[in-house]
PDB file of N, CA and C in Angstrom:
ATOM      1  N   GLU A   1     109.205 114.516 107.199  1.00  0.00           N
ATOM      2  CA  GLU A   1     108.001 113.477 107.508  1.00  0.00           C
ATOM      3  C   GLU A   1     107.490 112.454 106.203  1.00  0.00           C
ATOM      4  N   ARG A   2     107.930 111.386 106.149  1.00  0.00           N
ATOM      5  CA  ARG A   2     107.329 110.985 104.956  1.00  0.00           C
ATOM      6  C   ARG A   2     106.536 109.640 105.147  1.00  0.00           C
ATOM      7  N   PHE A   3     105.564 109.458 104.073  1.00  0.00           N
ATOM      8  CA  PHE A   3     104.233 108.732 104.076  1.00  0.00           C
ATOM      9  C   PHE A   3     104.558 107.845 103.036  1.00  0.00           C
ATOM     10  N   THR A   4     104.418 106.376 102.880  1.00  0.00           N
ATOM     11  CA  THR A   4     104.247 105.610 101.658  1.00  0.00           C
ATOM     12  C   THR A   4     102.918 105.323 101.243  1.00  0.00           C
ATOM     13  N   ILE A   5     102.176 105.252 100.291  1.00  0.00           N
ATOM     14  CA  ILE A   5     101.050 104.804  99.813  1.00  0.00           C
ATOM     15  C   ILE A   5     101.652 103.714  98.710  1.00  0.00           C
ATOM     16  N   ILE A   6     101.547 102.226  98.923  1.00  0.00           N
ATOM     17  CA  ILE A   6     101.486 101.191  97.827  1.00  0.00           C
ATOM     18  C   ILE A   6     100.005 100.885  97.419  1.00  0.00           C
ATOM     19  N   THR A   7     100.082 101.022  95.904  1.00  0.00           N
ATOM     20  CA  THR A   7      98.838 100.511  95.175  1.00  0.00           C
ATOM     21  C   THR A   7      99.383  99.489  94.149  1.00  0.00           C
ATOM     22  N   ARG A   8      98.840  98.470  94.262  1.00  0.00           N
ATOM     23  CA  ARG A   8      99.070  97.736  93.477  1.00  0.00           C
ATOM     24  C   ARG A   8     100.384  97.204  93.115  1.00  0.00           C
ATOM     25  N   GLY A   9     101.534  97.327  93.754  1.00  0.00           N
ATOM     26  CA  GLY A   9     102.652  97.327  93.915  1.00  0.00           C
ATOM     27  C   GLY A   9     103.397  98.254  93.595  1.00  0.00           C
ATOM     28  N   ASN A  10     103.195  99.173  93.207  1.00  0.00           N
ATOM     29  CA  ASN A  10     103.537 100.644  92.940  1.00  0.00           C
ATOM     30  C   ASN A  10     103.872 101.338  94.505  1.00  0.00           C
ATOM     31  N   SER A  11     105.054 101.858  94.957  1.00  0.00           N
ATOM     32  CA  SER A  11     105.242 102.994  95.900  1.00  0.00           C
ATOM     33  C   SER A  11     105.319 104.170  95.613  1.00  0.00           C
ATOM     34  N   PHE A  12     104.607 104.884  96.361  1.00  0.00           N
ATOM     35  CA  PHE A  12     104.277 106.448  95.890  1.00  0.00           C
ATOM     36  C   PHE A  12     104.773 107.211  97.463  1.00  0.00           C
ATOM     37  N   HIS A  13     105.522 107.917  97.744  1.00  0.00           N
ATOM     38  CA  HIS A  13     105.767 108.725  98.590  1.00  0.00           C
ATOM     39  C   HIS A  13     105.497 109.953  98.514  1.00  0.00           C
ATOM     40  N   LEU A  14     104.770 110.543  99.788  1.00  0.00           N
ATOM     41  CA  LEU A  14     104.138 111.887 100.158  1.00  0.00           C
ATOM     42  C   LEU A  14     104.737 112.527 101.380  1.00  0.00           C
ATOM     43  N   SER A  15     104.920 113.743 101.342  1.00  0.00           N
ATOM     44  CA  SER A  15     105.391 114.553 102.332  1.00  0.00           C
ATOM     45  C   SER A  15     104.149 114.717 103.074  1.00  0.00           C
ATOM     46  N   ARG A  16     104.208 115.087 104.526  1.00  0.00           N
ATOM     47  CA  ARG A  16     103.070 115.724 105.270  1.00  0.00           C
ATOM     48  C   ARG A  16     102.503 116.979 104.512  1.00  0.00           C
ATOM     49  N   ALA A  17     103.043 117.550 103.712  1.00  0.00           N
ATOM     50  CA  ALA A  17     102.476 118.892 103.133  1.00  0.00           C
ATOM     51  C   ALA A  17     101.396 118.303 101.914  1.00  0.00           C
ATOM     52  N   GLN A  18     101.946 117.345 101.376  1.00  0.00           N
ATOM     53  CA  GLN A  18     100.663 116.429 100.507  1.00  0.00           C
ATOM     54  C   GLN A  18      99.699 115.619 101.081  1.00  0.00           C
ATOM     55  N   VAL A  19      99.729 114.971 102.309  1.00  0.00           N
ATOM     56  CA  VAL A  19      99.105 114.189 102.852  1.00  0.00           C
ATOM     57  C   VAL A  19      97.638 115.425 103.393  1.00  0.00           C
ATOM     58  N   GLU A  20      98.392 116.886 103.721  1.00  0.00           N
ATOM     59  CA  GLU A  20      97.344 117.726 104.393  1.00  0.00           C
ATOM     60  C   GLU A  20      96.738 118.456 102.895  1.00  0.00           C
ATOM     61  N   TYR A  21      97.217 118.399 101.723  1.00  0.00           N
ATOM     62  CA  TYR A  21      96.481 118.996 100.719  1.00  0.00           C
ATOM     63  C   TYR A  21      95.459 118.352 100.582  1.00  0.00           C
ATOM     64  N   ASP A  22      94.289 119.250 100.288  1.00  0.00           N
ATOM     65  CA  ASP A  22      92.865 118.999 100.062  1.00  0.00           C
ATOM     66  C   ASP A  22      92.348 118.132 101.251  1.00  0.00           C
ATOM     67  N   SER A  23      92.703 118.416 102.439  1.00  0.00           N
ATOM     68  CA  SER A  23      92.383 117.862 103.552  1.00  0.00           C
ATOM     69  C   SER A  23      90.967 118.684 103.990  1.00  0.00           C
ATOM     70  N   PRO A  24      89.863 117.889 104.831  1.00  0.00           N
ATOM     71  CA  PRO A  24      90.394 116.423 105.390  1.00  0.00           C
ATOM     72  C   PRO A  24      90.255 115.469 104.202  1.00  0.00           C
ATOM     73  N   ASN A  25      91.293 114.345 104.134  1.00  0.00           N
ATOM     74  CA  ASN A  25      90.955 113.325 102.990  1.00  0.00           C
ATOM     75  C   ASN A  25      91.018 111.964 103.510  1.00  0.00           C
ATOM     76  N   TYR A  26      91.145 110.977 103.011  1.00  0.00           N
ATOM     77  CA  TYR A  26      91.463 109.819 103.628  1.00  0.00           C
ATOM     78  C   TYR A  26      92.695 109.450 103.981  1.00  0.00           C
ATOM     79  N   PHE A  27      93.871 110.174 103.388  1.00  0.00           N
ATOM     80  CA  PHE A  27      95.359 110.303 103.294  1.00  0.00           C
ATOM     81  C   PHE A  27      95.142 110.723 105.055  1.00  0.00           C
ATOM     82  N   SER A  28      94.933 112.140 105.210  1.00  0.00           N
ATOM     83  CA  SER A  28      95.222 112.644 106.673  1.00  0.00           C
ATOM     84  C   SER A  28      94.534 111.758 107.798  1.00  0.00           C
ATOM     85  N   ALA A  29      93.451 111.167 107.100  1.00  0.00           N
ATOM     86  CA  ALA A  29      92.574 110.385 108.249  1.00  0.00           C
ATOM     87  C   ALA A  29      93.495 109.464 109.064  1.00  0.00           C
ATOM     88  N   ALA A  30      93.991 108.478 107.704  1.00  0.00           N
ATOM     89  CA  ALA A  30      94.877 107.472 108.134  1.00  0.00           C
ATOM     90  C   ALA A  30      95.936 107.774 108.771  1.00  0.00           C
ATOM     91  N   PHE A  31      96.798 108.878 108.345  1.00  0.00           N
ATOM     92  CA  PHE A  31      98.179 108.733 108.454  1.00  0.00           C
ATOM     93  C   PHE A  31      98.264 110.134 110.180  1.00  0.00           C
ATOM     94  N   LEU A  32      97.451 110.933 109.938  1.00  0.00           N
ATOM     95  CA  LEU A  32      97.300 112.046 111.257  1.00  0.00           C
ATOM     96  C   LEU A  32      96.662 111.992 112.111  1.00  0.00           C
ATOM     97  N   GLN A  33      95.521 110.481 111.954  1.00  0.00           N
ATOM     98  CA  GLN A  33      95.079 110.494 113.561  1.00  0.00           C
ATOM     99  C   GLN A  33      95.579 109.012 114.154  1.00  0.00           C
ATOM    100  N   HIS A  34      95.823 109.288 115.020  1.00  0.00           N
ATOM    101  CA  HIS A  34      96.346 108.335 115.864  1.00  0.00           C
ATOM    102  C   HIS A  34      95.769 106.812 116.217  1.00  0.00           C
ATOM    103  N   ASP A  35      94.571 107.136 115.996  1.00  0.00           N
ATOM    104  CA  ASP A  35      93.873 105.582 116.513  1.00  0.00           C
ATOM    105  C   ASP A  35      93.786 104.668 115.213  1.00  0.00           C
ATOM    106  N   PHE A  36      94.662 105.189 113.810  1.00  0.00           N
ATOM    107  CA  PHE A  36      94.902 104.582 112.802  1.00  0.00           C
ATOM    108  C   PHE A  36      96.233 103.658 112.689  1.00  0.00           C
ATOM    109  N   ALA A  37      96.155 102.218 112.335  1.00  0.00           N
ATOM    110  CA  ALA A  37      98.089 101.765 112.265  1.00  0.00           C
ATOM    111  C   ALA A  37      98.484 102.552 111.562  1.00  0.00           C
ATOM    112  N   GLU A  38      97.970 102.852 110.146  1.00  0.00           N
ATOM    113  CA  GLU A  38      98.779 103.691 109.691  1.00  0.00           C
ATOM    114  C   GLU A  38      99.348 104.809 109.967  1.00  0.00           C
ATOM    115  N   ALA A  39      99.172 105.281 110.844  1.00  0.00           N
ATOM    116  CA  ALA A  39      99.746 106.556 111.412  1.00  0.00           C
ATOM    117  C   ALA A  39     100.835 105.915 111.989  1.00  0.00           C
ATOM    118  N   ARG A  40     101.095 104.651 112.478  1.00  0.00           N
ATOM    119  CA  ARG A  40     102.100 104.462 113.042  1.00  0.00           C
ATOM    120  C   ARG A  40     103.219 103.684 112.217  1.00  0.00           C
ATOM    121  N   SER A  41     102.617 103.179 111.422  1.00  0.00           N
ATOM    122  CA  SER A  41     103.579 102.518 110.262  1.00  0.00           C
ATOM    123  C   SER A  41     103.889 103.330 109.360  1.00  0.00           C
ATOM    124  N   LYS A  42     103.474 104.632 109.404  1.00  0.00           N
ATOM    125  CA  LYS A  42     103.216 105.533 107.835  1.00  0.00           C
ATOM    126  C   LYS A  42     103.471 104.640 106.637  1.00  0.00           C
ATOM    127  N   VAL A  43     102.658 103.396 106.335  1.00  0.00           N
ATOM    128  CA  VAL A  43     102.139 102.887 104.868  1.00  0.00           C
ATOM    129  C   VAL A  43     100.805 102.599 104.944  1.00  0.00           C
ATOM    130  N   LEU A  44     100.436 103.012 103.490  1.00  0.00           N
ATOM    131  CA  LEU A  44      99.371 102.429 103.813  1.00  0.00           C
ATOM    132  C   LEU A  44      98.875 101.771 102.082  1.00  0.00           C
ATOM    133  N   TYR A  45      98.176 100.739 102.144  1.00  0.00           N
ATOM    134  CA  TYR A  45      97.876  99.699 101.042  1.00  0.00           C
ATOM    135  C   TYR A  45      96.658 100.269 100.450  1.00  0.00           C
ATOM    136  N   THR A  46      96.462  99.771  98.917  1.00  0.00           N
ATOM    137  CA  THR A  46      95.456 100.614  98.796  1.00  0.00           C
ATOM    138  C   THR A  46      95.175  99.703  97.075  1.00  0.00           C
ATOM    139  N   ASP A  47      94.235  98.955  96.577  1.00  0.00           N
ATOM    140  CA  ASP A  47      94.220  98.502  95.056  1.00  0.00           C
ATOM    141  C   ASP A  47      93.756  99.528  94.104  1.00  0.00           C
ATOM    142  N   ARG A  48      93.622 100.990  94.295  1.00  0.00           N
ATOM    143  CA  ARG A  48      93.350 101.460  93.284  1.00  0.00           C
ATOM    144  C   ARG A  48      94.162 101.685  92.112  1.00  0.00           C
ATOM    145  N   ASN A  49      93.990 101.914  90.781  1.00  0.00           N
ATOM    146  CA  ASN A  49      94.832 102.209  89.893  1.00  0.00           C
ATOM    147  C   ASN A  49      95.815 103.419  90.026  1.00  0.00           C
ATOM    148  N   PRO A  50      97.155 102.327  90.026  1.00  0.00           N
ATOM    149  CA  PRO A  50      98.200 103.170  89.996  1.00  0.00           C
ATOM    150  C   PRO A  50      98.579 104.306  89.292  1.00  0.00           C
ATOM    151  N   GLN A  51      98.387 103.940  87.697  1.00  0.00           N
ATOM    152  CA  GLN A  51      98.638 105.261  86.980  1.00  0.00           C
ATOM    153  C   GLN A  51      97.486 106.326  87.160  1.00  0.00           C
ATOM    154  N   LEU A  52      96.587 105.892  87.461  1.00  0.00           N
ATOM    155  CA  LEU A  52      95.675 107.389  88.151  1.00  0.00           C
ATOM    156  C   LEU A  52      95.957 107.816  89.865  1.00  0.00           C
ATOM    157  N   PHE A  53      96.598 106.727  90.358  1.00  0.00           N
ATOM    158  CA  PHE A  53      97.011 107.328  91.532  1.00  0.00           C
ATOM    159  C   PHE A  53      98.389 108.032  91.386  1.00  0.00           C
ATOM    160  N   ALA A  54      99.044 108.221  90.553  1.00  0.00           N
ATOM    161  CA  ALA A  54      99.916 109.245  89.882  1.00  0.00           C
ATOM    162  C   ALA A  54      99.836 110.509  89.512  1.00  0.00           C
ATOM    163  N   LEU A  55      98.467 110.478  89.216  1.00  0.00           N
ATOM    164  CA  LEU A  55      97.803 111.904  88.851  1.00  0.00           C
ATOM    165  C   LEU A  55      97.316 112.578  90.017  1.00  0.00           C
ATOM    166  N   ILE A  56      96.829 111.748  90.850  1.00  0.00           N
ATOM    167  CA  ILE A  56      96.268 112.084  92.475  1.00  0.00           C
ATOM    168  C   ILE A  56      98.097 112.697  93.181  1.00  0.00           C
ATOM    169  N   VAL A  57      98.726 112.036  93.006  1.00  0.00           N
ATOM    170  CA  VAL A  57     100.303 112.145  93.703  1.00  0.00           C
ATOM    171  C   VAL A  57     100.205 113.885  92.870  1.00  0.00           C
ATOM    172  N   GLU A  58      99.815 114.289  91.783  1.00  0.00           N
ATOM    173  CA  GLU A  58     100.460 115.101  91.103  1.00  0.00           C
ATOM    174  C   GLU A  58      99.541 116.343  91.688  1.00  0.00           C
ATOM    175  N   HIS A  59      98.264 116.257  91.906  1.00  0.00           N
ATOM    176  CA  HIS A  59      97.219 116.750  92.488  1.00  0.00           C
ATOM    177  C   HIS A  59      97.623 117.186  93.993  1.00  0.00           C
ATOM    178  N   LEU A  60      97.938 116.426  94.564  1.00  0.00           N
ATOM    179  CA  LEU A  60      98.335 116.568  96.215  1.00  0.00           C
ATOM    180  C   LEU A  60      99.606 117.220  96.331  1.00  0.00           C
ATOM    181  N   SER A  61     100.240 117.459  95.001  1.00  0.00           N
ATOM    182  CA  SER A  61     101.574 118.528  94.849  1.00  0.00           C
ATOM    183  C   SER A  61     101.254 119.778  94.912  1.00  0.00           C
ATOM    184  N   GLY A  62      99.839 120.128  94.271  1.00  0.00           N
ATOM    185  CA  GLY A  62      99.392 121.059  93.825  1.00  0.00           C
ATOM    186  C   GLY A  62      99.293 121.634  92.617  1.00  0.00           C
ATOM    187  N   TYR A  63      99.868 120.578  91.622  1.00  0.00           N
ATOM    188  CA  TYR A  63      99.178 120.593  89.904  1.00  0.00           C
ATOM    189  C   TYR A  63      98.133 121.016  89.725  1.00  0.00           C
ATOM    190  N   LYS A  64      97.946 121.421  88.429  1.00  0.00           N
ATOM    191  CA  LYS A  64      96.381 121.411  87.641  1.00  0.00           C
ATOM    192  C   LYS A  64      96.846 119.681  86.941  1.00  0.00           C
ATOM    193  N   ILE A  65      96.079 118.847  86.931  1.00  0.00           N
ATOM    194  CA  ILE A  65      95.720 117.705  86.352  1.00  0.00           C
ATOM    195  C   ILE A  65      95.166 117.661  84.946  1.00  0.00           C
ATOM    196  N   LEU A  66      94.390 118.429  84.973  1.00  0.00           N
ATOM    197  CA  LEU A  66      93.301 118.336  84.113  1.00  0.00           C
ATOM    198  C   LEU A  66      93.484 119.531  83.132  1.00  0.00           C
ATOM    199  N   PRO A  67      93.003 119.520  81.464  1.00  0.00           N
ATOM    200  CA  PRO A  67      92.556 118.574  81.157  1.00  0.00           C
ATOM    201  C   PRO A  67      93.806 117.353  81.130  1.00  0.00           C
ATOM    202  N   LEU A  68      93.270 115.693  80.871  1.00  0.00           N
ATOM    203  CA  LEU A  68      94.094 114.989  81.095  1.00  0.00           C
ATOM    204  C   LEU A  68      94.934 114.852  79.554  1.00  0.00           C
ATOM    205  N   ALA A  69      96.332 114.687  79.758  1.00  0.00           N
ATOM    206  CA  ALA A  69      97.412 114.438  78.733  1.00  0.00           C
ATOM    207  C   ALA A  69      96.863 113.237  78.266  1.00  0.00           C
ATOM    208  N   GLU A  70      97.144 112.818  77.246  1.00  0.00           N
ATOM    209  CA  GLU A  70      96.978 111.555  76.495  1.00  0.00           C
ATOM    210  C   GLU A  70      98.082 110.748  77.023  1.00  0.00           C
ATOM    211  N   LYS A  71      99.129 111.385  77.024  1.00  0.00           N
ATOM    212  CA  LYS A  71     100.362 110.385  77.581  1.00  0.00           C
ATOM    213  C   LYS A  71     100.135 109.897  79.097  1.00  0.00           C
ATOM    214  N   ALA A  72      99.488 110.689  79.760  1.00  0.00           N
ATOM    215  CA  ALA A  72      98.785 110.650  81.234  1.00  0.00           C
ATOM    216  C   ALA A  72      97.803 109.508  81.335  1.00  0.00           C
ATOM    217  N   LEU A  73      96.961 109.581  80.551  1.00  0.00           N
ATOM    218  CA  LEU A  73      95.822 108.088  80.527  1.00  0.00           C
ATOM    219  C   LEU A  73      96.715 106.766  80.809  1.00  0.00           C
ATOM    220  N   PRO A  74      95.971 105.961  81.853  1.00  0.00           N
ATOM    221  CA  PRO A  74      96.254 104.597  81.969  1.00  0.00           C
ATOM    222  C   PRO A  74      95.905 103.725  80.839  1.00  0.00           C
ATOM    223  N   GLN A  75      96.658 103.041  80.169  1.00  0.00           N
ATOM    224  CA  GLN A  75      97.061 102.231  79.310  1.00  0.00           C
ATOM    225  C   GLN A  75      95.641 101.602  78.987  1.00  0.00           C
ATOM    226  N   THR A  76      94.955 101.044  79.651  1.00  0.00           N
ATOM    227  CA  THR A  76      93.592 100.354  79.705  1.00  0.00           C
ATOM    228  C   THR A  76      92.130 101.613  79.504  1.00  0.00           C
ATOM    229  N   MET A  77      92.206 102.852  79.416  1.00  0.00           N
ATOM    230  CA  MET A  77      91.510 103.453  79.654  1.00  0.00           C
ATOM    231  C   MET A  77      91.658 104.599  78.302  1.00  0.00           C
ATOM    232  N   ASN A  78      90.609 105.177  77.562  1.00  0.00           N
ATOM    233  CA  ASN A  78      90.259 106.325  77.023  1.00  0.00           C
ATOM    234  C   ASN A  78      90.224 107.167  78.188  1.00  0.00           C
ATOM    235  N   ALA A  79      90.311 108.517  77.445  1.00  0.00           N
ATOM    236  CA  ALA A  79      90.260 110.098  77.872  1.00  0.00           C
ATOM    237  C   ALA A  79      88.950 109.813  78.747  1.00  0.00           C
ATOM    238  N   GLU A  80      87.855 109.688  78.672  1.00  0.00           N
ATOM    239  CA  GLU A  80      86.174 109.548  79.104  1.00  0.00           C
ATOM    240  C   GLU A  80      86.247 108.838  80.253  1.00  0.00           C
ATOM    241  N   LEU A  81      86.687 107.479  79.899  1.00  0.00           N
ATOM    242  CA  LEU A  81      86.802 106.250  80.914  1.00  0.00           C
ATOM    243  C   LEU A  81      87.878 107.018  82.019  1.00  0.00           C
ATOM    244  N   ALA A  82      88.865 107.243  81.991  1.00  0.00           N
ATOM    245  CA  ALA A  82      89.982 108.104  82.597  1.00  0.00           C
ATOM    246  C   ALA A  82      89.667 108.959  83.786  1.00  0.00           C
ATOM    247  N   HIS A  83      88.733 109.946  82.996  1.00  0.00           N
ATOM    248  CA  HIS A  83      88.171 110.965  83.719  1.00  0.00           C
ATOM    249  C   HIS A  83      87.372 110.626  84.721  1.00  0.00           C
ATOM    250  N   ALA A  84      85.880 109.381  84.559  1.00  0.00           N
ATOM    251  CA  ALA A  84      85.468 109.263  85.025  1.00  0.00           C
ATOM    252  C   ALA A  84      85.755 107.890  86.212  1.00  0.00           C
ATOM    253  N   ASN A  85      86.703 107.504  86.263  1.00  0.00           N
ATOM    254  CA  ASN A  85      87.501 107.124  86.988  1.00  0.00           C
ATOM    255  C   ASN A  85      88.096 108.069  88.318  1.00  0.00           C
ATOM    256  N   LEU A  86      88.652 108.936  87.712  1.00  0.00           N
ATOM    257  CA  LEU A  86      89.350 109.724  88.348  1.00  0.00           C
ATOM    258  C   LEU A  86      88.541 110.384  89.313  1.00  0.00           C
ATOM    259  N   LEU A  87      87.435 110.765  89.035  1.00  0.00           N
ATOM    260  CA  LEU A  87      85.939 111.002  89.869  1.00  0.00           C
ATOM    261  C   LEU A  87      85.946 110.054  90.869  1.00  0.00           C
ATOM    262  N   ALA A  88      85.602 109.167  90.231  1.00  0.00           N
ATOM    263  CA  ALA A  88      85.632 107.505  91.515  1.00  0.00           C
ATOM    264  C   ALA A  88      86.484 107.559  92.600  1.00  0.00           C
ATOM    265  N   ASP A  89      88.179 107.834  92.179  1.00  0.00           N
ATOM    266  CA  ASP A  89      88.944 107.550  92.950  1.00  0.00           C
ATOM    267  C   ASP A  89      88.937 109.012  93.854  1.00  0.00           C
ATOM    268  N   ALA A  90      88.842 110.179  93.007  1.00  0.00           N
ATOM    269  CA  ALA A  90      88.326 111.614  93.973  1.00  0.00           C
ATOM    270  C   ALA A  90      87.676 111.204  95.030  1.00  0.00           C
ATOM    271  N   GLU A  91      86.291 110.673  95.069  1.00  0.00           N
ATOM    272  CA  GLU A  91      85.475 110.093  95.695  1.00  0.00           C
ATOM    273  C   GLU A  91      85.833 109.348  96.621  1.00  0.00           C
ATOM    274  N   TYR A  92      86.431 108.428  96.760  1.00  0.00           N
ATOM    275  CA  TYR A  92      86.980 107.290  97.429  1.00  0.00           C
ATOM    276  C   TYR A  92      88.276 107.670  98.464  1.00  0.00           C
ATOM    277  N   PHE A  93      88.840 108.466  97.783  1.00  0.00           N
ATOM    278  CA  PHE A  93      90.034 109.387  98.732  1.00  0.00           C
ATOM    279  C   PHE A  93      89.638 110.713  99.423  1.00  0.00           C
ATOM    280  N   GLN A  94      88.240 111.025  99.535  1.00  0.00           N
ATOM    281  CA  GLN A  94      87.619 112.168  99.769  1.00  0.00           C
ATOM    282  C   GLN A  94      88.686 113.523  99.537  1.00  0.00           C
ATOM    283  N   LEU A  95      88.798 113.668  98.288  1.00  0.00           N
ATOM    284  CA  LEU A  95      89.503 114.601  97.596  1.00  0.00           C
ATOM    285  C   LEU A  95      88.327 115.674  97.051  1.00  0.00           C
ATOM    286  N   ASP A  96      88.059 116.228  98.046  1.00  0.00           N
ATOM    287  CA  ASP A  96      87.247 117.319  97.751  1.00  0.00           C
ATOM    288  C   ASP A  96      87.131 118.334  96.184  1.00  0.00           C
ATOM    289  N   GLN A  97      88.245 118.660  96.574  1.00  0.00           N
ATOM    290  CA  GLN A  97      88.748 120.246  95.432  1.00  0.00           C
ATOM    291  C   GLN A  97      89.383 119.155  94.159  1.00  0.00           C
ATOM    292  N   LEU A  98      89.652 118.045  94.393  1.00  0.00           N
ATOM    293  CA  LEU A  98      90.027 117.366  93.009  1.00  0.00           C
ATOM    294  C   LEU A  98      88.545 116.983  92.635  1.00  0.00           C
ATOM    295  N   GLY A  99      87.801 116.532  93.161  1.00  0.00           N
ATOM    296  CA  GLY A  99      86.380 116.069  92.775  1.00  0.00           C
ATOM    297  C   GLY A  99      85.483 117.244  91.961  1.00  0.00           C
ATOM    298  N   ASP A 100      85.716 118.222  92.636  1.00  0.00           N
ATOM    299  CA  ASP A 100      85.157 119.706  92.224  1.00  0.00           C
ATOM    300  C   ASP A 100      85.595 119.978  90.602  1.00  0.00           C
ATOM    301  N   GLN A 101      87.146 119.791  90.639  1.00  0.00           N
ATOM    302  CA  GLN A 101      87.641 120.206  89.358  1.00  0.00           C
ATOM    303  C   GLN A 101      87.350 118.894  88.233  1.00  0.00           C
ATOM    304  N   VAL A 102      86.895 117.685  88.443  1.00  0.00           N
ATOM    305  CA  VAL A 102      86.607 116.492  87.487  1.00  0.00           C
ATOM    306  C   VAL A 102      84.978 116.948  87.028  1.00  0.00           C
TER     307      VAL A 102
END
């Protein structure tokens, strides 16, 4: 089972295992609870930063993403700002394990 998250025109494809990782979270609620339209379409749109979201996908794959590698930083952010914004995204997506690491 595959799920698609589109952020600012960039598509990310997640497996059910990735959606369930660090759950309950925004993705498990949207995709796995039948009262959400996203559960039927398996597509979710968000306006979050796609470069930071790529790091979140790595986290949902079970990888360590911290400390942030310089090459992983969004082009418009230094390490401190990327770290702060990653924490904001962890809170937004209700990823408690990631938030605790950040």
